[in-house]
PDB file of all heavy atoms in Angstrom:
ATOM      1  N   LEU A   1     130.483  59.422 138.059  1.00  0.00           N
ATOM      2  CA  LEU A   1     130.974  59.923 139.380  1.00  0.00           C
ATOM      3  C   LEU A   1     132.079  59.099 139.896  1.00  0.00           C
ATOM      4  O   LEU A   1     133.131  59.646 140.367  1.00  0.00           O
ATOM      5  CB  LEU A   1     129.859  60.079 140.411  1.00  0.00           C
ATOM      6  CG  LEU A   1     130.223  60.788 141.638  1.00  0.00           C
ATOM      7  CD1 LEU A   1     130.540  62.245 141.454  1.00  0.00           C
ATOM      8  CD2 LEU A   1     128.923  60.760 142.545  1.00  0.00           C
ATOM      9  N   ALA A   2     131.958  57.825 139.814  1.00  0.00           N
ATOM     10  CA  ALA A   2     132.991  56.953 140.309  1.00  0.00           C
ATOM     11  C   ALA A   2     134.215  57.103 139.408  1.00  0.00           C
ATOM     12  O   ALA A   2     135.424  57.090 139.943  1.00  0.00           O
ATOM     13  CB  ALA A   2     132.503  55.453 140.251  1.00  0.00           C
ATOM     14  N   LEU A   3     134.081  57.247 138.050  1.00  0.00           N
ATOM     15  CA  LEU A   3     135.273  57.348 137.123  1.00  0.00           C
ATOM     16  C   LEU A   3     136.002  58.616 137.446  1.00  0.00           C
ATOM     17  O   LEU A   3     137.206  58.737 137.550  1.00  0.00           O
ATOM     18  CB  LEU A   3     134.791  57.360 135.732  1.00  0.00           C
ATOM     19  CG  LEU A   3     134.531  56.044 135.042  1.00  0.00           C
ATOM     20  CD1 LEU A   3     134.032  56.408 133.661  1.00  0.00           C
ATOM     21  CD2 LEU A   3     135.892  55.229 135.077  1.00  0.00           C
ATOM     22  N   VAL A   4     135.301  59.806 137.715  1.00  0.00           N
ATOM     23  CA  VAL A   4     135.888  61.070 137.910  1.00  0.00           C
ATOM     24  C   VAL A   4     136.532  60.988 139.249  1.00  0.00           C
ATOM     25  O   VAL A   4     137.683  61.563 139.497  1.00  0.00           O
ATOM     26  CB  VAL A   4     134.885  62.298 137.734  1.00  0.00           C
ATOM     27  CG1 VAL A   4     135.447  63.546 138.151  1.00  0.00           C
ATOM     28  CG2 VAL A   4     134.320  62.291 136.410  1.00  0.00           C
ATOM     29  N   ALA A   5     135.916  60.480 140.284  1.00  0.00           N
ATOM     30  CA  ALA A   5     136.449  60.338 141.655  1.00  0.00           C
ATOM     31  C   ALA A   5     137.816  59.502 141.553  1.00  0.00           C
ATOM     32  O   ALA A   5     138.866  59.960 142.348  1.00  0.00           O
ATOM     33  CB  ALA A   5     135.558  59.604 142.597  1.00  0.00           C
ATOM     34  N   LEU A   6     137.888  58.466 140.781  1.00  0.00           N
ATOM     35  CA  LEU A   6     139.014  57.664 140.668  1.00  0.00           C
ATOM     36  C   LEU A   6     140.128  58.546 139.889  1.00  0.00           C
ATOM     37  O   LEU A   6     141.392  58.363 140.340  1.00  0.00           O
ATOM     38  CB  LEU A   6     138.771  56.444 139.819  1.00  0.00           C
ATOM     39  CG  LEU A   6     139.876  55.456 139.572  1.00  0.00           C
ATOM     40  CD1 LEU A   6     140.483  54.984 140.839  1.00  0.00           C
ATOM     41  CD2 LEU A   6     139.492  54.226 138.677  1.00  0.00           C
ATOM     42  N   LEU A   7     139.761  59.221 139.056  1.00  0.00           N
ATOM     43  CA  LEU A   7     140.682  60.103 138.218  1.00  0.00           C
ATOM     44  C   LEU A   7     141.320  61.085 139.201  1.00  0.00           C
ATOM     45  O   LEU A   7     142.706  61.332 139.246  1.00  0.00           O
ATOM     46  CB  LEU A   7     140.026  60.779 137.125  1.00  0.00           C
ATOM     47  CG  LEU A   7     140.828  61.665 136.173  1.00  0.00           C
ATOM     48  CD1 LEU A   7     141.948  61.097 135.546  1.00  0.00           C
ATOM     49  CD2 LEU A   7     139.924  62.437 135.257  1.00  0.00           C
ATOM     50  N   LEU A   8     140.582  61.691 140.053  1.00  0.00           N
ATOM     51  CA  LEU A   8     140.939  62.685 141.065  1.00  0.00           C
ATOM     52  C   LEU A   8     141.875  62.173 142.027  1.00  0.00           C
ATOM     53  O   LEU A   8     142.888  62.773 142.415  1.00  0.00           O
ATOM     54  CB  LEU A   8     139.723  63.567 141.593  1.00  0.00           C
ATOM     55  CG  LEU A   8     138.964  64.278 140.666  1.00  0.00           C
ATOM     56  CD1 LEU A   8     137.707  64.895 141.364  1.00  0.00           C
ATOM     57  CD2 LEU A   8     139.709  65.381 139.809  1.00  0.00           C
ATOM     58  N   HIS A   9     141.485  60.936 142.477  1.00  0.00           N
ATOM     59  CA  HIS A   9     142.332  60.220 143.496  1.00  0.00           C
ATOM     60  C   HIS A   9     143.590  59.857 143.001  1.00  0.00           C
ATOM     61  O   HIS A   9     144.602  60.173 143.605  1.00  0.00           O
ATOM     62  CB  HIS A   9     141.491  58.911 143.882  1.00  0.00           C
ATOM     63  CG  HIS A   9     142.407  57.886 144.464  1.00  0.00           C
ATOM     64  ND1 HIS A   9     143.031  58.053 145.695  1.00  0.00           N
ATOM     65  CD2 HIS A   9     142.728  56.630 144.075  1.00  0.00           C
ATOM     66  CE1 HIS A   9     143.649  56.920 145.994  1.00  0.00           C
ATOM     67  NE2 HIS A   9     143.500  56.046 145.026  1.00  0.00           N
ATOM     68  N   ARG A  10     143.777  59.440 141.863  1.00  0.00           N
ATOM     69  CA  ARG A  10     144.996  59.123 141.139  1.00  0.00           C
ATOM     70  C   ARG A  10     145.904  60.307 140.902  1.00  0.00           C
ATOM     71  O   ARG A  10     147.160  60.262 140.960  1.00  0.00           O
ATOM     72  CB  ARG A  10     144.783  58.212 139.882  1.00  0.00           C
ATOM     73  CG  ARG A  10     144.355  56.811 140.235  1.00  0.00           C
ATOM     74  CD  ARG A  10     144.165  55.954 138.886  1.00  0.00           C
ATOM     75  NE  ARG A  10     143.796  54.564 139.237  1.00  0.00           N
ATOM     76  CZ  ARG A  10     143.522  53.668 138.337  1.00  0.00           C
ATOM     77  NH1 ARG A  10     143.527  54.089 137.079  1.00  0.00           N
ATOM     78  NH2 ARG A  10     143.142  52.599 138.663  1.00  0.00           N
ATOM     79  N   THR A  11     145.217  61.438 140.630  1.00  0.00           N
ATOM     80  CA  THR A  11     145.892  62.605 140.129  1.00  0.00           C
ATOM     81  C   THR A  11     146.457  63.319 141.422  1.00  0.00           C
ATOM     82  O   THR A  11     147.542  63.833 141.502  1.00  0.00           O
ATOM     83  CB  THR A  11     145.024  63.589 139.288  1.00  0.00           C
ATOM     84  OG1 THR A  11     144.567  62.869 138.180  1.00  0.00           O
ATOM     85  CG2 THR A  11     145.763  64.772 138.865  1.00  0.00           C
ATOM     86  N   SER A  12     145.657  63.340 142.428  1.00  0.00           N
ATOM     87  CA  SER A  12     145.902  64.170 143.681  1.00  0.00           C
ATOM     88  C   SER A  12     146.624  63.330 144.715  1.00  0.00           C
ATOM     89  O   SER A  12     147.228  63.794 145.721  1.00  0.00           O
ATOM     90  CB  SER A  12     144.551  64.646 144.325  1.00  0.00           C
ATOM     91  OG  SER A  12     143.851  63.684 144.807  1.00  0.00           O
ATOM     92  N   GLN A  13     146.505  61.949 144.682  1.00  0.00           N
ATOM     93  CA  GLN A  13     147.120  61.055 145.647  1.00  0.00           C
ATOM     94  C   GLN A  13     146.413  61.144 146.992  1.00  0.00           C
ATOM     95  O   GLN A  13     147.019  60.853 148.074  1.00  0.00           O
ATOM     96  CB  GLN A  13     148.674  61.201 145.744  1.00  0.00           C
ATOM     97  CG  GLN A  13     149.384  60.874 144.467  1.00  0.00           C
ATOM     98  CD  GLN A  13     149.181  59.370 144.014  1.00  0.00           C
ATOM     99  OE1 GLN A  13     149.551  58.535 144.822  1.00  0.00           O
ATOM    100  NE2 GLN A  13     148.754  59.223 142.832  1.00  0.00           N
ATOM    101  N   GLN A  14     145.169  61.614 146.875  1.00  0.00           N
ATOM    102  CA  GLN A  14     144.368  61.865 148.151  1.00  0.00           C
ATOM    103  C   GLN A  14     143.278  60.734 148.233  1.00  0.00           C
ATOM    104  O   GLN A  14     142.725  60.282 147.341  1.00  0.00           O
ATOM    105  CB  GLN A  14     143.738  63.100 148.180  1.00  0.00           C
ATOM    106  CG  GLN A  14     144.758  64.317 148.402  1.00  0.00           C
ATOM    107  CD  GLN A  14     144.022  65.719 148.345  1.00  0.00           C
ATOM    108  OE1 GLN A  14     144.226  66.460 147.423  1.00  0.00           O
ATOM    109  NE2 GLN A  14     143.339  66.045 149.367  1.00  0.00           N
ATOM    110  N   ASP A  15     143.025  60.221 149.423  1.00  0.00           N
ATOM    111  CA  ASP A  15     142.256  59.054 149.571  1.00  0.00           C
ATOM    112  C   ASP A  15     140.702  59.465 149.893  1.00  0.00           C
ATOM    113  O   ASP A  15     139.890  58.617 150.026  1.00  0.00           O
ATOM    114  CB  ASP A  15     142.745  58.160 150.848  1.00  0.00           C
ATOM    115  CG  ASP A  15     143.943  57.504 150.402  1.00  0.00           C
ATOM    116  OD1 ASP A  15     144.239  57.345 149.249  1.00  0.00           O
ATOM    117  OD2 ASP A  15     144.744  57.137 151.269  1.00  0.00           O
ATOM    118  N   ASN A  16     140.448  60.770 150.027  1.00  0.00           N
ATOM    119  CA  ASN A  16     139.151  61.257 150.240  1.00  0.00           C
ATOM    120  C   ASN A  16     138.815  62.316 149.168  1.00  0.00           C
ATOM    121  O   ASN A  16     139.629  63.276 149.128  1.00  0.00           O
ATOM    122  CB  ASN A  16     138.962  61.861 151.645  1.00  0.00           C
ATOM    123  CG  ASN A  16     138.904  60.740 152.565  1.00  0.00           C
ATOM    124  OD1 ASN A  16     137.744  60.183 152.836  1.00  0.00           O
ATOM    125  ND2 ASN A  16     140.006  60.410 153.252  1.00  0.00           N
ATOM    126  N   VAL A  17     137.856  62.103 148.409  1.00  0.00           N
ATOM    127  CA  VAL A  17     137.571  62.995 147.293  1.00  0.00           C
ATOM    128  C   VAL A  17     136.075  63.472 147.353  1.00  0.00           C
ATOM    129  O   VAL A  17     135.264  62.490 147.516  1.00  0.00           O
ATOM    130  CB  VAL A  17     137.861  62.351 145.954  1.00  0.00           C
ATOM    131  CG1 VAL A  17     137.456  63.246 144.742  1.00  0.00           C
ATOM    132  CG2 VAL A  17     139.376  61.980 145.790  1.00  0.00           C
ATOM    133  N   VAL A  18     135.866  64.699 147.313  1.00  0.00           N
ATOM    134  CA  VAL A  18     134.450  65.215 147.382  1.00  0.00           C
ATOM    135  C   VAL A  18     134.140  65.828 145.978  1.00  0.00           C
ATOM    136  O   VAL A  18     134.948  66.713 145.438  1.00  0.00           O
ATOM    137  CB  VAL A  18     134.262  66.310 148.449  1.00  0.00           C
ATOM    138  CG1 VAL A  18     132.878  66.875 148.216  1.00  0.00           C
ATOM    139  CG2 VAL A  18     134.231  65.623 149.773  1.00  0.00           C
ATOM    140  N   ILE A  19     133.138  65.445 145.289  1.00  0.00           N
ATOM    141  CA  ILE A  19     132.602  65.945 144.011  1.00  0.00           C
ATOM    142  C   ILE A  19     131.204  66.506 144.204  1.00  0.00           C
ATOM    143  O   ILE A  19     130.365  65.946 144.827  1.00  0.00           O
ATOM    144  CB  ILE A  19     132.652  64.912 142.934  1.00  0.00           C
ATOM    145  CG1 ILE A  19     134.107  64.424 142.799  1.00  0.00           C
ATOM    146  CG2 ILE A  19     132.152  65.516 141.572  1.00  0.00           C
ATOM    147  CD1 ILE A  19     134.202  63.250 141.882  1.00  0.00           C
ATOM    148  N   GLY A  20     130.981  67.783 143.681  1.00  0.00           N
ATOM    149  CA  GLY A  20     129.671  68.357 143.830  1.00  0.00           C
ATOM    150  C   GLY A  20     128.878  67.842 142.647  1.00  0.00           C
ATOM    151  O   GLY A  20     129.217  67.862 141.623  1.00  0.00           O
ATOM    152  N   VAL A  21     127.576  67.416 143.011  1.00  0.00           N
ATOM    153  CA  VAL A  21     126.655  66.889 141.955  1.00  0.00           C
ATOM    154  C   VAL A  21     125.451  67.823 142.154  1.00  0.00           C
ATOM    155  O   VAL A  21     124.679  67.841 143.238  1.00  0.00           O
ATOM    156  CB  VAL A  21     126.270  65.506 142.265  1.00  0.00           C
ATOM    157  CG1 VAL A  21     125.193  65.039 141.316  1.00  0.00           C
ATOM    158  CG2 VAL A  21     127.475  64.572 142.138  1.00  0.00           C
ATOM    159  N   PRO A  22     125.177  68.660 141.098  1.00  0.00           N
ATOM    160  CA  PRO A  22     123.920  69.479 141.192  1.00  0.00           C
ATOM    161  C   PRO A  22     122.686  68.594 141.137  1.00  0.00           C
ATOM    162  O   PRO A  22     122.618  67.579 140.422  1.00  0.00           O
ATOM    163  CB  PRO A  22     124.057  70.320 139.844  1.00  0.00           C
ATOM    164  CG  PRO A  22     125.521  70.272 139.423  1.00  0.00           C
ATOM    165  CD  PRO A  22     125.935  68.820 139.895  1.00  0.00           C
ATOM    166  N   PHE A  23     121.721  69.032 141.895  1.00  0.00           N
ATOM    167  CA  PHE A  23     120.377  68.466 142.012  1.00  0.00           C
ATOM    168  C   PHE A  23     119.369  69.513 141.812  1.00  0.00           C
ATOM    169  O   PHE A  23     119.500  70.538 142.381  1.00  0.00           O
ATOM    170  CB  PHE A  23     120.257  67.781 143.268  1.00  0.00           C
ATOM    171  CG  PHE A  23     119.394  66.537 143.306  1.00  0.00           C
ATOM    172  CD1 PHE A  23     119.749  65.371 142.879  1.00  0.00           C
ATOM    173  CD2 PHE A  23     118.000  66.576 143.844  1.00  0.00           C
ATOM    174  CE1 PHE A  23     119.062  64.197 142.857  1.00  0.00           C
ATOM    175  CE2 PHE A  23     117.165  65.478 143.738  1.00  0.00           C
ATOM    176  CZ  PHE A  23     117.733  64.194 143.281  1.00  0.00           C
ATOM    177  N   TRP A  24     118.466  69.270 140.871  1.00  0.00           N
ATOM    178  CA  TRP A  24     117.472  70.363 140.535  1.00  0.00           C
ATOM    179  C   TRP A  24     116.724  70.988 141.495  1.00  0.00           C
ATOM    180  O   TRP A  24     116.368  72.203 141.532  1.00  0.00           O
ATOM    181  CB  TRP A  24     116.582  69.873 139.391  1.00  0.00           C
ATOM    182  CG  TRP A  24     117.337  69.537 138.094  1.00  0.00           C
ATOM    183  CD1 TRP A  24     117.364  68.314 137.403  1.00  0.00           C
ATOM    184  CD2 TRP A  24     118.063  70.434 137.302  1.00  0.00           C
ATOM    185  NE1 TRP A  24     118.151  68.348 136.236  1.00  0.00           N
ATOM    186  CE2 TRP A  24     118.608  69.723 136.236  1.00  0.00           C
ATOM    187  CE3 TRP A  24     118.430  71.842 137.461  1.00  0.00           C
ATOM    188  CZ2 TRP A  24     119.409  70.260 135.247  1.00  0.00           C
ATOM    189  CZ3 TRP A  24     119.131  72.427 136.479  1.00  0.00           C
ATOM    190  CH2 TRP A  24     119.712  71.725 135.400  1.00  0.00           C
ATOM    191  N   GLY A  25     116.456  70.252 142.655  1.00  0.00           N
ATOM    192  CA  GLY A  25     115.846  70.988 143.830  1.00  0.00           C
ATOM    193  C   GLY A  25     114.431  71.348 143.717  1.00  0.00           C
ATOM    194  O   GLY A  25     113.874  71.988 144.696  1.00  0.00           O
ATOM    195  N   ARG A  26     113.758  70.873 142.659  1.00  0.00           N
ATOM    196  CA  ARG A  26     112.248  71.297 142.602  1.00  0.00           C
ATOM    197  C   ARG A  26     111.451  70.216 143.186  1.00  0.00           C
ATOM    198  O   ARG A  26     110.883  69.380 142.441  1.00  0.00           O
ATOM    199  CB  ARG A  26     111.978  71.569 141.084  1.00  0.00           C
ATOM    200  CG  ARG A  26     112.749  72.745 140.533  1.00  0.00           C
ATOM    201  CD  ARG A  26     112.424  72.994 139.119  1.00  0.00           C
ATOM    202  NE  ARG A  26     113.398  74.031 138.628  1.00  0.00           N
ATOM    203  CZ  ARG A  26     113.053  75.344 138.090  1.00  0.00           C
ATOM    204  NH1 ARG A  26     111.671  75.650 137.998  1.00  0.00           N
ATOM    205  NH2 ARG A  26     113.936  76.226 137.703  1.00  0.00           N
ATOM    206  N   ASN A  27     111.532  70.116 144.515  1.00  0.00           N
ATOM    207  CA  ASN A  27     110.948  69.000 145.175  1.00  0.00           C
ATOM    208  C   ASN A  27     109.470  69.234 145.471  1.00  0.00           C
ATOM    209  O   ASN A  27     108.962  68.825 146.660  1.00  0.00           O
ATOM    210  CB  ASN A  27     111.732  68.746 146.496  1.00  0.00           C
ATOM    211  CG  ASN A  27     111.973  70.004 147.366  1.00  0.00           C
ATOM    212  OD1 ASN A  27     111.489  71.050 146.937  1.00  0.00           O
ATOM    213  ND2 ASN A  27     112.676  69.857 148.440  1.00  0.00           N
ATOM    214  N   HIS A  28     108.807  69.817 144.666  1.00  0.00           N
ATOM    215  CA  HIS A  28     107.307  69.891 144.780  1.00  0.00           C
ATOM    216  C   HIS A  28     106.876  70.277 143.421  1.00  0.00           C
ATOM    217  O   HIS A  28     107.373  71.114 142.582  1.00  0.00           O
ATOM    218  CB  HIS A  28     106.919  71.174 145.600  1.00  0.00           C
ATOM    219  CG  HIS A  28     105.546  71.260 146.028  1.00  0.00           C
ATOM    220  ND1 HIS A  28     104.549  71.622 145.083  1.00  0.00           N
ATOM    221  CD2 HIS A  28     104.826  70.982 147.240  1.00  0.00           C
ATOM    222  CE1 HIS A  28     103.329  71.645 145.697  1.00  0.00           C
ATOM    223  NE2 HIS A  28     103.605  71.197 146.922  1.00  0.00           N
ATOM    224  N   PRO A  29     105.732  69.590 142.875  1.00  0.00           N
ATOM    225  CA  PRO A  29     105.365  69.711 141.503  1.00  0.00           C
ATOM    226  C   PRO A  29     104.939  71.207 141.118  1.00  0.00           C
ATOM    227  O   PRO A  29     105.080  71.558 139.909  1.00  0.00           O
ATOM    228  CB  PRO A  29     104.056  68.866 141.460  1.00  0.00           C
ATOM    229  CG  PRO A  29     103.747  68.549 142.836  1.00  0.00           C
ATOM    230  CD  PRO A  29     104.955  68.699 143.670  1.00  0.00           C
ATOM    231  N   ASP A  30     104.639  72.111 142.060  1.00  0.00           N
ATOM    232  CA  ASP A  30     104.218  73.360 141.678  1.00  0.00           C
ATOM    233  C   ASP A  30     105.469  74.285 141.326  1.00  0.00           C
ATOM    234  O   ASP A  30     105.258  75.386 140.882  1.00  0.00           O
ATOM    235  CB  ASP A  30     103.540  74.079 142.972  1.00  0.00           C
ATOM    236  CG  ASP A  30     102.060  73.568 143.006  1.00  0.00           C
ATOM    237  OD1 ASP A  30     101.552  72.937 142.140  1.00  0.00           O
ATOM    238  OD2 ASP A  30     101.478  73.994 144.076  1.00  0.00           O
ATOM    239  N   LEU A  31     106.678  73.772 141.598  1.00  0.00           N
ATOM    240  CA  LEU A  31     107.844  74.475 141.355  1.00  0.00           C
ATOM    241  C   LEU A  31     108.332  74.289 139.968  1.00  0.00           C
ATOM    242  O   LEU A  31     109.273  75.146 139.411  1.00  0.00           O
ATOM    243  CB  LEU A  31     108.982  74.148 142.353  1.00  0.00           C
ATOM    244  CG  LEU A  31     108.624  74.329 143.865  1.00  0.00           C
ATOM    245  CD1 LEU A  31     109.867  73.835 144.643  1.00  0.00           C
ATOM    246  CD2 LEU A  31     108.284  75.683 144.114  1.00  0.00           C
ATOM    247  N   GLU A  32     107.810  73.286 139.179  1.00  0.00           N
ATOM    248  CA  GLU A  32     108.364  72.967 137.881  1.00  0.00           C
ATOM    249  C   GLU A  32     108.291  74.116 136.858  1.00  0.00           C
ATOM    250  O   GLU A  32     109.164  74.342 136.043  1.00  0.00           O
ATOM    251  CB  GLU A  32     107.687  71.758 137.433  1.00  0.00           C
ATOM    252  CG  GLU A  32     108.051  70.497 138.199  1.00  0.00           C
ATOM    253  CD  GLU A  32     107.321  69.206 137.681  1.00  0.00           C
ATOM    254  OE1 GLU A  32     106.727  69.234 136.652  1.00  0.00           O
ATOM    255  OE2 GLU A  32     107.484  68.144 138.380  1.00  0.00           O
ATOM    256  N   PRO A  33     107.176  74.899 136.829  1.00  0.00           N
ATOM    257  CA  PRO A  33     107.085  75.945 135.749  1.00  0.00           C
ATOM    258  C   PRO A  33     107.600  77.329 136.199  1.00  0.00           C
ATOM    259  O   PRO A  33     107.392  78.263 135.436  1.00  0.00           O
ATOM    260  CB  PRO A  33     105.575  76.009 135.570  1.00  0.00           C
ATOM    261  CG  PRO A  33     105.014  75.727 136.947  1.00  0.00           C
ATOM    262  CD  PRO A  33     105.847  74.812 137.518  1.00  0.00           C
ATOM    263  N   LEU A  34     108.471  77.377 137.208  1.00  0.00           N
ATOM    264  CA  LEU A  34     108.924  78.645 137.617  1.00  0.00           C
ATOM    265  C   LEU A  34     110.395  78.893 137.132  1.00  0.00           C
ATOM    266  O   LEU A  34     111.224  77.963 136.891  1.00  0.00           O
ATOM    267  CB  LEU A  34     109.093  78.709 139.181  1.00  0.00           C
ATOM    268  CG  LEU A  34     107.744  78.531 139.957  1.00  0.00           C
ATOM    269  CD1 LEU A  34     108.024  78.883 141.435  1.00  0.00           C
ATOM    270  CD2 LEU A  34     106.689  79.393 139.388  1.00  0.00           C
ATOM    271  N   ILE A  35     110.631  80.240 136.950  1.00  0.00           N
ATOM    272  CA  ILE A  35     112.035  80.612 136.716  1.00  0.00           C
ATOM    273  C   ILE A  35     112.583  81.066 138.079  1.00  0.00           C
ATOM    274  O   ILE A  35     111.990  81.955 138.786  1.00  0.00           O
ATOM    275  CB  ILE A  35     112.088  81.797 135.747  1.00  0.00           C
ATOM    276  CG1 ILE A  35     111.762  81.357 134.193  1.00  0.00           C
ATOM    277  CG2 ILE A  35     113.521  82.401 135.700  1.00  0.00           C
ATOM    278  CD1 ILE A  35     111.717  82.471 133.327  1.00  0.00           C
ATOM    279  N   GLY A  36     113.656  80.401 138.522  1.00  0.00           N
ATOM    280  CA  GLY A  36     114.129  80.734 139.819  1.00  0.00           C
ATOM    281  C   GLY A  36     115.498  79.845 140.074  1.00  0.00           C
ATOM    282  O   GLY A  36     115.845  79.009 139.333  1.00  0.00           O
ATOM    283  N   PHE A  37     116.109  80.183 141.205  1.00  0.00           N
ATOM    284  CA  PHE A  37     117.324  79.523 141.555  1.00  0.00           C
ATOM    285  C   PHE A  37     116.978  78.396 142.588  1.00  0.00           C
ATOM    286  O   PHE A  37     116.979  78.657 143.817  1.00  0.00           O
ATOM    287  CB  PHE A  37     118.299  80.607 142.141  1.00  0.00           C
ATOM    288  CG  PHE A  37     119.613  80.086 142.500  1.00  0.00           C
ATOM    289  CD1 PHE A  37     120.133  78.763 142.092  1.00  0.00           C
ATOM    290  CD2 PHE A  37     120.412  80.980 143.216  1.00  0.00           C
ATOM    291  CE1 PHE A  37     121.401  78.394 142.398  1.00  0.00           C
ATOM    292  CE2 PHE A  37     121.840  80.437 143.642  1.00  0.00           C
ATOM    293  CZ  PHE A  37     122.214  79.257 143.150  1.00  0.00           C
ATOM    294  N   PHE A  38     116.813  77.160 141.995  1.00  0.00           N
ATOM    295  CA  PHE A  38     116.384  76.037 142.805  1.00  0.00           C
ATOM    296  C   PHE A  38     117.555  75.089 143.017  1.00  0.00           C
ATOM    297  O   PHE A  38     117.531  74.282 143.861  1.00  0.00           O
ATOM    298  CB  PHE A  38     115.214  75.290 142.228  1.00  0.00           C
ATOM    299  CG  PHE A  38     113.881  76.172 142.238  1.00  0.00           C
ATOM    300  CD1 PHE A  38     113.561  76.817 141.061  1.00  0.00           C
ATOM    301  CD2 PHE A  38     113.087  76.165 143.315  1.00  0.00           C
ATOM    302  CE1 PHE A  38     112.519  77.618 141.011  1.00  0.00           C
ATOM    303  CE2 PHE A  38     111.917  77.010 143.244  1.00  0.00           C
ATOM    304  CZ  PHE A  38     111.583  77.697 142.126  1.00  0.00           C
ATOM    305  N   ILE A  39     118.408  75.061 142.083  1.00  0.00           N
ATOM    306  CA  ILE A  39     119.507  73.932 141.966  1.00  0.00           C
ATOM    307  C   ILE A  39     120.259  73.936 143.282  1.00  0.00           C
ATOM    308  O   ILE A  39     120.640  74.979 143.752  1.00  0.00           O
ATOM    309  CB  ILE A  39     120.263  74.171 140.668  1.00  0.00           C
ATOM    310  CG1 ILE A  39     121.018  72.814 140.429  1.00  0.00           C
ATOM    311  CG2 ILE A  39     121.281  75.255 140.880  1.00  0.00           C
ATOM    312  CD1 ILE A  39     121.628  72.762 138.915  1.00  0.00           C
ATOM    313  N   ASN A  40     120.584  72.756 143.673  1.00  0.00           N
ATOM    314  CA  ASN A  40     121.346  72.591 144.971  1.00  0.00           C
ATOM    315  C   ASN A  40     122.409  71.631 144.669  1.00  0.00           C
ATOM    316  O   ASN A  40     122.316  70.669 143.934  1.00  0.00           O
ATOM    317  CB  ASN A  40     120.444  72.014 146.056  1.00  0.00           C
ATOM    318  CG  ASN A  40     121.155  71.944 147.423  1.00  0.00           C
ATOM    319  OD1 ASN A  40     121.914  72.737 147.747  1.00  0.00           O
ATOM    320  ND2 ASN A  40     120.774  70.947 148.291  1.00  0.00           N
ATOM    321  N   THR A  41     123.615  71.933 145.286  1.00  0.00           N
ATOM    322  CA  THR A  41     124.873  71.095 145.145  1.00  0.00           C
ATOM    323  C   THR A  41     124.871  70.074 146.215  1.00  0.00           C
ATOM    324  O   THR A  41     124.961  70.453 147.386  1.00  0.00           O
ATOM    325  CB  THR A  41     126.100  71.908 145.047  1.00  0.00           C
ATOM    326  OG1 THR A  41     126.076  72.882 144.013  1.00  0.00           O
ATOM    327  CG2 THR A  41     127.355  71.075 144.855  1.00  0.00           C
ATOM    328  N   LEU A  42     125.041  68.733 145.924  1.00  0.00           N
ATOM    329  CA  LEU A  42     125.142  67.650 146.842  1.00  0.00           C
ATOM    330  C   LEU A  42     126.695  67.335 146.927  1.00  0.00           C
ATOM    331  O   LEU A  42     127.125  66.874 145.797  1.00  0.00           O
ATOM    332  CB  LEU A  42     124.331  66.599 146.471  1.00  0.00           C
ATOM    333  CG  LEU A  42     122.778  66.850 146.471  1.00  0.00           C
ATOM    334  CD1 LEU A  42     122.035  65.454 146.030  1.00  0.00           C
ATOM    335  CD2 LEU A  42     122.171  67.484 147.616  1.00  0.00           C
ATOM    336  N   PRO A  43     127.364  67.462 147.962  1.00  0.00           N
ATOM    337  CA  PRO A  43     128.695  67.111 148.054  1.00  0.00           C
ATOM    338  C   PRO A  43     128.912  65.551 148.331  1.00  0.00           C
ATOM    339  O   PRO A  43     128.680  65.160 149.444  1.00  0.00           O
ATOM    340  CB  PRO A  43     129.343  67.952 149.185  1.00  0.00           C
ATOM    341  CG  PRO A  43     128.179  68.184 150.058  1.00  0.00           C
ATOM    342  CD  PRO A  43     127.006  68.234 149.281  1.00  0.00           C
ATOM    343  N   ILE A  44     129.307  64.811 147.270  1.00  0.00           N
ATOM    344  CA  ILE A  44     129.374  63.429 147.404  1.00  0.00           C
ATOM    345  C   ILE A  44     130.831  62.994 147.719  1.00  0.00           C
ATOM    346  O   ILE A  44     131.687  63.222 146.887  1.00  0.00           O
ATOM    347  CB  ILE A  44     128.974  62.729 146.042  1.00  0.00           C
ATOM    348  CG1 ILE A  44     127.575  63.139 145.791  1.00  0.00           C
ATOM    349  CG2 ILE A  44     128.932  61.219 146.329  1.00  0.00           C
ATOM    350  CD1 ILE A  44     126.419  62.949 146.554  1.00  0.00           C
ATOM    351  N   ARG A  45     131.021  62.408 148.809  1.00  0.00           N
ATOM    352  CA  ARG A  45     132.421  61.927 149.296  1.00  0.00           C
ATOM    353  C   ARG A  45     132.617  60.498 148.916  1.00  0.00           C
ATOM    354  O   ARG A  45     131.872  59.631 149.210  1.00  0.00           O
ATOM    355  CB  ARG A  45     132.499  62.139 150.752  1.00  0.00           C
ATOM    356  CG  ARG A  45     133.829  61.795 151.355  1.00  0.00           C
ATOM    357  CD  ARG A  45     133.885  61.981 152.846  1.00  0.00           C
ATOM    358  NE  ARG A  45     135.222  61.721 153.482  1.00  0.00           N
ATOM    359  CZ  ARG A  45     135.600  62.207 154.665  1.00  0.00           C
ATOM    360  NH1 ARG A  45     134.703  62.800 155.451  1.00  0.00           N
ATOM    361  NH2 ARG A  45     136.904  61.922 155.218  1.00  0.00           N
ATOM    362  N   THR A  46     133.906  60.337 148.404  1.00  0.00           N
ATOM    363  CA  THR A  46     134.261  58.895 147.864  1.00  0.00           C
ATOM    364  C   THR A  46     135.590  58.747 148.739  1.00  0.00           C
ATOM    365  O   THR A  46     136.483  59.519 148.597  1.00  0.00           O
ATOM    366  CB  THR A  46     134.432  58.764 146.449  1.00  0.00           C
ATOM    367  OG1 THR A  46     133.323  59.253 145.797  1.00  0.00           O
ATOM    368  CG2 THR A  46     134.878  57.422 146.085  1.00  0.00           C
ATOM    369  N   ARG A  47     135.542  57.505 149.366  1.00  0.00           N
ATOM    370  CA  ARG A  47     136.736  57.165 150.241  1.00  0.00           C
ATOM    371  C   ARG A  47     137.509  56.064 149.390  1.00  0.00           C
ATOM    372  O   ARG A  47     136.887  55.037 148.885  1.00  0.00           O
ATOM    373  CB  ARG A  47     136.284  56.661 151.581  1.00  0.00           C
ATOM    374  CG  ARG A  47     135.723  57.632 152.415  1.00  0.00           C
ATOM    375  CD  ARG A  47     135.150  57.122 153.658  1.00  0.00           C
ATOM    376  NE  ARG A  47     134.582  57.950 154.660  1.00  0.00           N
ATOM    377  CZ  ARG A  47     133.436  58.696 154.655  1.00  0.00           C
ATOM    378  NH1 ARG A  47     132.558  58.380 153.708  1.00  0.00           N
ATOM    379  NH2 ARG A  47     133.122  59.524 155.494  1.00  0.00           N
TER     380      ARG A  47
END
């Protein structure tokens, strides 16, 4: 994530870069065997 943020910073010349990091979102053991839309995107900001 740090490498890609650095790449985007140098390419865009912007000092604030947000990258979405998917998180599986199955925050309870009973959700593990299900088919469903659980994944959540965490927007990570790098300055």
